[in-house]
Amino acid sequence: MLDFNQQALLGLLSHLVFIPVTWWALQALHIEKAMKKGKVMQARALMILLTIAISGAVSNFFLDYLIWSRQLPFLF
């Protein structure tokens, strides 16, 4: 049970860490230039949704990698 609790905490922390990292990385893009004029709120909403989608995918990748690497000794 302790291992399950640790995985839950690690999953939450991983998602929370990758959100600001992804936001920071997306700041290099100028999505506003690709949007129509006067659509600032939509551009911001798009940035937020992209941040959540990308950070979730990256976090899931690292969590899966961690779980698989911990299961690897059971192969032998």
Protein backbone atom coordinates (compact mmCIF):
# COMPACT_ATOMS: atom_id res chain seq x y z
CA MET A 1 0.00 0.00 0.00
CA LEU A 2 2.86 2.36 0.72
CA ASP A 3 4.23 1.89 -2.78
CA PHE A 4 0.84 2.80 -4.27
CA ASN A 5 0.71 5.99 -2.18
CA GLN A 6 4.21 6.91 -3.27
CA GLN A 7 3.26 6.41 -6.93
CA ALA A 8 0.22 8.64 -6.50
CA LEU A 9 2.30 11.40 -4.89
CA LEU A 10 5.01 11.08 -7.52
CA GLY A 11 2.39 11.28 -10.29
CA LEU A 12 0.88 14.46 -8.85
CA LEU A 13 4.27 16.07 -8.38
CA SER A 14 5.38 15.08 -11.86
CA HIS A 15 2.35 16.68 -13.48
CA LEU A 16 2.74 19.81 -11.37
CA VAL A 17 6.43 20.12 -12.24
CA PHE A 18 5.97 19.70 -15.99
CA ILE A 19 3.20 22.32 -16.28
CA PRO A 20 5.48 25.33 -15.62
CA VAL A 21 8.32 23.75 -17.62
CA THR A 22 6.03 23.33 -20.61
CA TRP A 23 4.61 26.85 -20.19
CA TRP A 24 8.16 28.23 -20.12
CA ALA A 25 9.08 26.28 -23.26
CA LEU A 26 5.96 27.42 -25.12
CA GLN A 27 6.82 31.04 -24.42
CA ALA A 28 9.44 30.73 -27.18
CA LEU A 29 6.61 30.43 -29.71
CA HIS A 30 4.67 33.46 -30.85
CA ILE A 31 1.26 31.88 -31.25
CA GLU A 32 -0.32 35.33 -31.15
CA LYS A 33 1.16 36.09 -34.57
CA ALA A 34 -0.65 33.10 -36.06
CA MET A 35 -3.98 34.09 -34.50
CA LYS A 36 -6.45 36.58 -35.88
CA LYS A 37 -6.24 40.13 -34.58
CA GLY A 38 -8.36 40.79 -31.52
CA LYS A 39 -8.45 37.14 -30.46
CA VAL A 40 -6.17 37.50 -27.44
CA MET A 41 -8.36 35.45 -25.10
CA GLN A 42 -8.52 32.57 -27.57
CA ALA A 43 -4.72 32.67 -27.97
CA ARG A 44 -4.28 32.51 -24.20
CA ALA A 45 -6.78 29.66 -23.91
CA LEU A 46 -4.91 27.82 -26.66
CA MET A 47 -1.62 28.30 -24.81
CA ILE A 48 -3.14 26.94 -21.59
CA LEU A 49 -4.65 23.93 -23.35
CA LEU A 50 -1.40 23.21 -25.20
CA THR A 51 0.50 23.47 -21.93
CA ILE A 52 -1.80 21.00 -20.20
CA ALA A 53 -1.78 18.56 -23.13
CA ILE A 54 1.98 18.60 -23.68
CA SER A 55 2.89 18.53 -19.98
CA GLY A 56 0.49 15.65 -19.38
CA ALA A 57 2.01 13.63 -22.22
CA VAL A 58 5.58 14.32 -21.08
CA SER A 59 4.75 13.56 -17.46
CA ASN A 60 3.04 10.30 -18.43
CA PHE A 61 6.10 9.34 -20.48
CA PHE A 62 8.43 9.84 -17.52
CA LEU A 63 6.08 8.08 -15.10
CA ASP A 64 5.71 5.10 -17.46
CA TYR A 65 9.47 4.98 -17.93
CA LEU A 66 9.95 4.99 -14.16
CA ILE A 67 7.41 2.21 -13.62
CA TRP A 68 8.86 0.08 -16.41
CA SER A 69 12.39 0.53 -15.15
CA ARG A 70 11.30 -0.55 -11.68
CA GLN A 71 9.63 -3.67 -13.16
CA LEU A 72 12.65 -4.61 -15.25
CA PRO A 73 14.35 -6.68 -12.51
CA PHE A 74 11.34 -9.04 -12.51
CA LEU A 75 12.25 -10.00 -16.07
CA PHE A 76 15.27 -11.96 -14.88
